[in-house]
Amino acid sequence: MGARHMGWVAAAVALSALMAGTAFADPQAFSLEEGGTVRFRCRGPGIQHPAEGRFSTVTSRLELDPSDLTTVSGEVQVLMVSITTVDSGWDVMFRRAPFLAIGEFPRARFVVTGVEGATALVSGRWTPLRILGDFTIHGVTKPQAIDALVYWDAATKRLRLRAVTEMTWADHDIDMPDGHTRVFAGDRAALLISLDYLGPRGR
């Protein structure tokens, strides 16, 4: 019994030492800096004058440990009425369009569920990633993968995200009418995302 007891004590001491030497990931909260945008360009067969523009009102929360990307969580939200295109007539059309129903569904939302392609960010370098998440627009949520480049500066605690993805109207039950609307709205849109974040100081 004495030997068995001593064996358990030794195992407990070893486990305690191992845990003491393990660096557990500590996610940091990053705040979105001003100037973040989500740009779009309509695409599809038969499109002649593709509508393009930006959503200027973007909010986001992001938490991660740059040394361990398994800790990442966050979301990006876009206020749909903040749409601005090269044609004010298009702006009015999109804001009032029954097929978008902005009054009923005022925000689009992407919730991060994970990343692929890298396990950590390296300071001073752009890191290619595939960001996985759930994308909601027009009240319909679908899984979405976003190809991204992320630049991390450990000295200034700044993180820059540049990403691109594509969404199809039909996938989100957006019933884009045929005829003239299809000439500029197509059947899908490419999304170009540009967001800069600032992490906590003194970490």
C-alpha atoms as a PDB file:
ATOM      1  CA  MET A   1       0.000   0.000   0.000  1.00  0.00           C
ATOM      2  CA  GLY A   2       2.844   2.360   0.829  1.00  0.00           C
ATOM      3  CA  ALA A   3       4.497   1.856  -2.554  1.00  0.00           C
ATOM      4  CA  ARG A   4       1.196   2.310  -4.391  1.00  0.00           C
ATOM      5  CA  HIS A   5       0.515   5.493  -2.432  1.00  0.00           C
ATOM      6  CA  MET A   6       3.972   6.833  -3.276  1.00  0.00           C
ATOM      7  CA  GLY A   7       3.331   6.023  -6.946  1.00  0.00           C
ATOM      8  CA  TRP A   8       0.153   8.111  -6.962  1.00  0.00           C
ATOM      9  CA  VAL A   9       1.971  10.988  -5.273  1.00  0.00           C
ATOM     10  CA  ALA A  10       4.730  10.897  -7.887  1.00  0.00           C
ATOM     11  CA  ALA A  11       2.197  10.854 -10.720  1.00  0.00           C
ATOM     12  CA  ALA A  12       0.328  13.810  -9.204  1.00  0.00           C
ATOM     13  CA  VAL A  13       3.560  15.808  -8.816  1.00  0.00           C
ATOM     14  CA  ALA A  14       4.539  15.071 -12.431  1.00  0.00           C
ATOM     15  CA  LEU A  15       1.117  16.101 -13.732  1.00  0.00           C
ATOM     16  CA  SER A  16       1.208  19.307 -11.697  1.00  0.00           C
ATOM     17  CA  ALA A  17       4.632  20.200 -13.094  1.00  0.00           C
ATOM     18  CA  LEU A  18       3.460  19.497 -16.640  1.00  0.00           C
ATOM     19  CA  MET A  19       0.408  21.728 -16.249  1.00  0.00           C
ATOM     20  CA  ALA A  20       2.483  24.498 -14.683  1.00  0.00           C
ATOM     21  CA  GLY A  21       4.724  24.544 -17.753  1.00  0.00           C
ATOM     22  CA  THR A  22       1.839  24.580 -20.238  1.00  0.00           C
ATOM     23  CA  ALA A  23       0.961  27.940 -21.801  1.00  0.00           C
ATOM     24  CA  PHE A  24      -2.800  28.021 -22.138  1.00  0.00           C
ATOM     25  CA  ALA A  25      -4.148  30.215 -24.960  1.00  0.00           C
ATOM     26  CA  ASP A  26      -5.460  33.548 -23.727  1.00  0.00           C
ATOM     27  CA  PRO A  27      -7.760  35.155 -26.317  1.00  0.00           C
ATOM     28  CA  GLN A  28      -7.551  38.940 -26.568  1.00  0.00           C
ATOM     29  CA  ALA A  29     -10.394  41.262 -27.507  1.00  0.00           C
ATOM     30  CA  PHE A  30      -9.714  43.295 -30.663  1.00  0.00           C
ATOM     31  CA  SER A  31     -11.715  46.434 -31.441  1.00  0.00           C
ATOM     32  CA  LEU A  32     -12.618  47.443 -34.983  1.00  0.00           C
ATOM     33  CA  GLU A  33     -10.973  50.659 -36.107  1.00  0.00           C
ATOM     34  CA  GLU A  34     -12.836  53.267 -38.124  1.00  0.00           C
ATOM     35  CA  GLY A  35     -12.952  52.947 -41.888  1.00  0.00           C
ATOM     36  CA  GLY A  36     -13.873  49.275 -42.163  1.00  0.00           C
ATOM     37  CA  THR A  37     -15.810  48.462 -45.316  1.00  0.00           C
ATOM     38  CA  VAL A  38     -17.530  45.611 -47.095  1.00  0.00           C
ATOM     39  CA  ARG A  39     -17.587  46.182 -50.847  1.00  0.00           C
ATOM     40  CA  PHE A  40     -19.689  44.255 -53.367  1.00  0.00           C
ATOM     41  CA  ARG A  41     -19.879  43.693 -57.113  1.00  0.00           C
ATOM     42  CA  CYS A  42     -22.843  41.947 -58.695  1.00  0.00           C
ATOM     43  CA  ARG A  43     -22.071  39.078 -61.058  1.00  0.00           C
ATOM     44  CA  GLY A  44     -23.845  36.511 -63.202  1.00  0.00           C
ATOM     45  CA  PRO A  45     -24.825  35.442 -66.720  1.00  0.00           C
ATOM     46  CA  GLY A  46     -26.394  38.156 -68.828  1.00  0.00           C
ATOM     47  CA  ILE A  47     -25.213  40.967 -66.589  1.00  0.00           C
ATOM     48  CA  GLN A  48     -24.373  44.100 -68.593  1.00  0.00           C
ATOM     49  CA  HIS A  49     -23.901  46.914 -66.095  1.00  0.00           C
ATOM     50  CA  PRO A  50     -22.916  45.241 -62.806  1.00  0.00           C
ATOM     51  CA  ALA A  51     -23.958  47.182 -59.738  1.00  0.00           C
ATOM     52  CA  GLU A  52     -21.106  47.734 -57.330  1.00  0.00           C
ATOM     53  CA  GLY A  53     -20.530  49.722 -54.197  1.00  0.00           C
ATOM     54  CA  ARG A  54     -19.989  49.415 -50.472  1.00  0.00           C
ATOM     55  CA  PHE A  55     -21.650  49.129 -47.104  1.00  0.00           C
ATOM     56  CA  SER A  56     -20.192  51.889 -44.966  1.00  0.00           C
ATOM     57  CA  THR A  57     -21.678  50.927 -41.589  1.00  0.00           C
ATOM     58  CA  VAL A  58     -19.855  47.845 -40.342  1.00  0.00           C
ATOM     59  CA  THR A  59     -19.552  46.620 -36.746  1.00  0.00           C
ATOM     60  CA  SER A  60     -17.474  43.740 -35.485  1.00  0.00           C
ATOM     61  CA  ARG A  61     -16.163  41.933 -32.452  1.00  0.00           C
ATOM     62  CA  LEU A  62     -13.094  39.705 -32.574  1.00  0.00           C
ATOM     63  CA  GLU A  63     -11.319  37.629 -29.963  1.00  0.00           C
ATOM     64  CA  LEU A  64      -8.208  35.547 -30.555  1.00  0.00           C
ATOM     65  CA  ASP A  65      -4.732  34.667 -29.381  1.00  0.00           C
ATOM     66  CA  PRO A  66      -2.449  35.344 -32.381  1.00  0.00           C
ATOM     67  CA  SER A  67      -0.255  32.413 -31.330  1.00  0.00           C
ATOM     68  CA  ASP A  68      -3.193  29.980 -31.306  1.00  0.00           C
ATOM     69  CA  LEU A  69      -5.885  30.500 -33.929  1.00  0.00           C
ATOM     70  CA  THR A  70      -8.061  27.738 -32.468  1.00  0.00           C
ATOM     71  CA  THR A  71      -9.138  30.411 -29.971  1.00  0.00           C
ATOM     72  CA  VAL A  72     -10.707  32.689 -32.589  1.00  0.00           C
ATOM     73  CA  SER A  73     -14.298  33.845 -32.240  1.00  0.00           C
ATOM     74  CA  GLY A  74     -16.201  36.861 -33.421  1.00  0.00           C
ATOM     75  CA  GLU A  75     -18.648  38.286 -35.888  1.00  0.00           C
ATOM     76  CA  VAL A  76     -19.105  41.018 -38.482  1.00  0.00           C
ATOM     77  CA  GLN A  77     -22.392  42.833 -39.036  1.00  0.00           C
ATOM     78  CA  VAL A  78     -23.341  45.093 -41.929  1.00  0.00           C
ATOM     79  CA  LEU A  79     -26.174  47.618 -41.823  1.00  0.00           C
ATOM     80  CA  MET A  80     -27.899  47.013 -45.152  1.00  0.00           C
ATOM     81  CA  VAL A  81     -29.312  50.532 -45.495  1.00  0.00           C
ATOM     82  CA  SER A  82     -25.743  51.912 -45.513  1.00  0.00           C
ATOM     83  CA  ILE A  83     -25.354  50.718 -49.114  1.00  0.00           C
ATOM     84  CA  THR A  84     -23.691  53.244 -51.430  1.00  0.00           C
ATOM     85  CA  THR A  85     -23.113  52.660 -55.137  1.00  0.00           C
ATOM     86  CA  VAL A  86     -21.867  54.703 -58.080  1.00  0.00           C
ATOM     87  CA  ASP A  87     -25.491  55.531 -58.933  1.00  0.00           C
ATOM     88  CA  SER A  88     -27.839  57.129 -56.399  1.00  0.00           C
ATOM     89  CA  GLY A  89     -30.760  55.556 -58.293  1.00  0.00           C
ATOM     90  CA  TRP A  90     -29.370  52.127 -57.537  1.00  0.00           C
ATOM     91  CA  ASP A  91     -29.011  53.100 -53.866  1.00  0.00           C
ATOM     92  CA  VAL A  92     -32.701  53.938 -53.660  1.00  0.00           C
ATOM     93  CA  MET A  93     -33.651  50.789 -55.591  1.00  0.00           C
ATOM     94  CA  PHE A  94     -31.658  48.477 -53.315  1.00  0.00           C
ATOM     95  CA  ARG A  95     -32.949  50.138 -50.148  1.00  0.00           C
ATOM     96  CA  ARG A  96     -36.571  49.839 -51.272  1.00  0.00           C
ATOM     97  CA  ALA A  97     -36.334  46.558 -53.164  1.00  0.00           C
ATOM     98  CA  PRO A  98     -38.928  43.990 -52.016  1.00  0.00           C
ATOM     99  CA  PHE A  99     -36.507  41.159 -52.817  1.00  0.00           C
ATOM    100  CA  LEU A 100     -34.027  42.403 -50.182  1.00  0.00           C
ATOM    101  CA  ALA A 101     -36.670  43.408 -47.601  1.00  0.00           C
ATOM    102  CA  ILE A 102     -34.194  45.601 -45.722  1.00  0.00           C
ATOM    103  CA  GLY A 103     -36.938  46.867 -43.424  1.00  0.00           C
ATOM    104  CA  GLU A 104     -37.549  43.316 -42.200  1.00  0.00           C
ATOM    105  CA  PHE A 105     -33.921  42.160 -42.355  1.00  0.00           C
ATOM    106  CA  PRO A 106     -31.819  45.273 -41.655  1.00  0.00           C
ATOM    107  CA  ARG A 107     -28.496  43.542 -41.046  1.00  0.00           C
ATOM    108  CA  ALA A 108     -26.284  40.920 -42.647  1.00  0.00           C
ATOM    109  CA  ARG A 109     -24.154  38.926 -40.229  1.00  0.00           C
ATOM    110  CA  PHE A 110     -21.154  36.591 -40.393  1.00  0.00           C
ATOM    111  CA  VAL A 111     -20.304  34.578 -37.261  1.00  0.00           C
ATOM    112  CA  VAL A 112     -16.851  32.977 -37.137  1.00  0.00           C
ATOM    113  CA  THR A 113     -16.764  29.273 -36.257  1.00  0.00           C
ATOM    114  CA  GLY A 114     -13.123  28.485 -37.041  1.00  0.00           C
ATOM    115  CA  VAL A 115     -10.172  28.879 -39.379  1.00  0.00           C
ATOM    116  CA  GLU A 116      -8.162  26.669 -41.696  1.00  0.00           C
ATOM    117  CA  GLY A 117      -4.740  27.006 -43.298  1.00  0.00           C
ATOM    118  CA  ALA A 118      -2.639  28.262 -40.371  1.00  0.00           C
ATOM    119  CA  THR A 119      -2.392  27.696 -36.636  1.00  0.00           C
ATOM    120  CA  ALA A 120      -0.844  31.043 -35.683  1.00  0.00           C
ATOM    121  CA  LEU A 121      -0.127  34.549 -36.962  1.00  0.00           C
ATOM    122  CA  VAL A 122       3.466  35.685 -37.466  1.00  0.00           C
ATOM    123  CA  SER A 123       4.216  39.300 -36.670  1.00  0.00           C
ATOM    124  CA  GLY A 124       5.211  41.360 -39.685  1.00  0.00           C
ATOM    125  CA  ARG A 125       3.758  38.928 -42.226  1.00  0.00           C
ATOM    126  CA  TRP A 126       0.547  38.374 -44.171  1.00  0.00           C
ATOM    127  CA  THR A 127      -0.920  34.972 -43.295  1.00  0.00           C
ATOM    128  CA  PRO A 128      -3.350  33.258 -45.697  1.00  0.00           C
ATOM    129  CA  LEU A 129      -6.391  31.786 -43.957  1.00  0.00           C
ATOM    130  CA  ARG A 130      -9.735  30.277 -44.751  1.00  0.00           C
ATOM    131  CA  ILE A 131     -12.249  31.652 -42.270  1.00  0.00           C
ATOM    132  CA  LEU A 132     -15.234  29.423 -41.592  1.00  0.00           C
ATOM    133  CA  GLY A 133     -18.545  30.663 -40.302  1.00  0.00           C
ATOM    134  CA  ASP A 134     -22.285  31.140 -40.668  1.00  0.00           C
ATOM    135  CA  PHE A 135     -23.501  33.912 -42.974  1.00  0.00           C
ATOM    136  CA  THR A 136     -26.983  35.371 -42.495  1.00  0.00           C
ATOM    137  CA  ILE A 137     -28.696  37.687 -44.941  1.00  0.00           C
ATOM    138  CA  HIS A 138     -32.398  38.111 -45.729  1.00  0.00           C
ATOM    139  CA  GLY A 139     -33.092  36.010 -42.628  1.00  0.00           C
ATOM    140  CA  VAL A 140     -31.432  32.905 -44.092  1.00  0.00           C
ATOM    141  CA  THR A 141     -28.280  31.427 -42.549  1.00  0.00           C
ATOM    142  CA  LYS A 142     -25.831  29.316 -44.540  1.00  0.00           C
ATOM    143  CA  PRO A 143     -22.306  28.048 -43.810  1.00  0.00           C
ATOM    144  CA  GLN A 144     -19.713  30.163 -45.600  1.00  0.00           C
ATOM    145  CA  ALA A 145     -15.953  29.958 -46.157  1.00  0.00           C
ATOM    146  CA  ILE A 146     -14.017  33.188 -46.707  1.00  0.00           C
ATOM    147  CA  ASP A 147     -10.524  33.354 -48.195  1.00  0.00           C
ATOM    148  CA  ALA A 148      -8.494  35.907 -46.274  1.00  0.00           C
ATOM    149  CA  LEU A 149      -5.088  37.446 -45.720  1.00  0.00           C
ATOM    150  CA  VAL A 150      -4.333  38.620 -42.179  1.00  0.00           C
ATOM    151  CA  TYR A 151      -1.460  40.913 -41.230  1.00  0.00           C
ATOM    152  CA  TRP A 152      -0.388  40.929 -37.581  1.00  0.00           C
ATOM    153  CA  ASP A 153       1.882  43.541 -35.977  1.00  0.00           C
ATOM    154  CA  ALA A 154       2.749  42.457 -32.446  1.00  0.00           C
ATOM    155  CA  ALA A 155       4.470  45.756 -31.613  1.00  0.00           C
ATOM    156  CA  THR A 156       1.438  47.945 -32.319  1.00  0.00           C
ATOM    157  CA  LYS A 157      -1.190  45.257 -31.605  1.00  0.00           C
ATOM    158  CA  ARG A 158      -2.786  45.927 -34.986  1.00  0.00           C
ATOM    159  CA  LEU A 159      -4.436  43.279 -37.112  1.00  0.00           C
ATOM    160  CA  ARG A 160      -5.449  43.863 -40.734  1.00  0.00           C
ATOM    161  CA  LEU A 161      -7.952  41.612 -42.513  1.00  0.00           C
ATOM    162  CA  ARG A 162      -8.438  41.533 -46.284  1.00  0.00           C
ATOM    163  CA  ALA A 163     -10.889  38.905 -47.511  1.00  0.00           C
ATOM    164  CA  VAL A 164     -13.076  37.891 -50.427  1.00  0.00           C
ATOM    165  CA  THR A 165     -16.064  35.604 -50.833  1.00  0.00           C
ATOM    166  CA  GLU A 166     -19.171  35.228 -52.972  1.00  0.00           C
ATOM    167  CA  MET A 167     -22.865  34.806 -52.232  1.00  0.00           C
ATOM    168  CA  THR A 168     -25.697  33.669 -54.491  1.00  0.00           C
ATOM    169  CA  TRP A 169     -29.103  35.319 -54.205  1.00  0.00           C
ATOM    170  CA  ALA A 170     -31.051  32.045 -54.483  1.00  0.00           C
ATOM    171  CA  ASP A 171     -29.083  30.456 -51.610  1.00  0.00           C
ATOM    172  CA  HIS A 172     -30.596  33.049 -49.262  1.00  0.00           C
ATOM    173  CA  ASP A 173     -34.111  33.045 -50.712  1.00  0.00           C
ATOM    174  CA  ILE A 174     -33.576  36.414 -52.396  1.00  0.00           C
ATOM    175  CA  ASP A 175     -35.961  36.298 -55.329  1.00  0.00           C
ATOM    176  CA  MET A 176     -34.185  38.609 -57.753  1.00  0.00           C
ATOM    177  CA  PRO A 177     -36.651  39.518 -60.514  1.00  0.00           C
ATOM    178  CA  ASP A 178     -35.866  38.763 -64.149  1.00  0.00           C
ATOM    179  CA  GLY A 179     -35.640  41.400 -66.845  1.00  0.00           C
ATOM    180  CA  HIS A 180     -34.017  44.771 -66.284  1.00  0.00           C
ATOM    181  CA  THR A 181     -32.988  44.036 -62.689  1.00  0.00           C
ATOM    182  CA  ARG A 182     -30.909  41.044 -63.758  1.00  0.00           C
ATOM    183  CA  VAL A 183     -28.928  43.290 -66.118  1.00  0.00           C
ATOM    184  CA  PHE A 184     -27.208  44.950 -63.154  1.00  0.00           C
ATOM    185  CA  ALA A 185     -27.939  42.609 -60.204  1.00  0.00           C
ATOM    186  CA  GLY A 186     -27.136  39.252 -61.825  1.00  0.00           C
ATOM    187  CA  ASP A 187     -27.585  36.149 -59.725  1.00  0.00           C
ATOM    188  CA  ARG A 188     -24.840  36.654 -57.132  1.00  0.00           C
ATOM    189  CA  ALA A 189     -22.384  39.122 -55.637  1.00  0.00           C
ATOM    190  CA  ALA A 190     -18.685  39.086 -54.843  1.00  0.00           C
ATOM    191  CA  LEU A 191     -17.878  40.548 -51.415  1.00  0.00           C
ATOM    192  CA  LEU A 192     -14.563  42.244 -50.653  1.00  0.00           C
ATOM    193  CA  ILE A 193     -13.892  42.841 -46.970  1.00  0.00           C
ATOM    194  CA  SER A 194     -11.380  45.312 -45.535  1.00  0.00           C
ATOM    195  CA  LEU A 195     -11.214  45.542 -41.725  1.00  0.00           C
ATOM    196  CA  ASP A 196      -8.525  46.779 -39.331  1.00  0.00           C
ATOM    197  CA  TYR A 197      -8.482  45.905 -35.634  1.00  0.00           C
ATOM    198  CA  LEU A 198      -6.584  47.119 -32.579  1.00  0.00           C
ATOM    199  CA  GLY A 199      -5.772  44.787 -29.725  1.00  0.00           C
ATOM    200  CA  PRO A 200      -5.302  45.619 -26.037  1.00  0.00           C
ATOM    201  CA  ARG A 201      -2.129  47.458 -25.057  1.00  0.00           C
ATOM    202  CA  GLY A 202       0.301  46.177 -22.489  1.00  0.00           C
ATOM    203  CA  ARG A 203      -0.141  42.495 -23.385  1.00  0.00           C
END
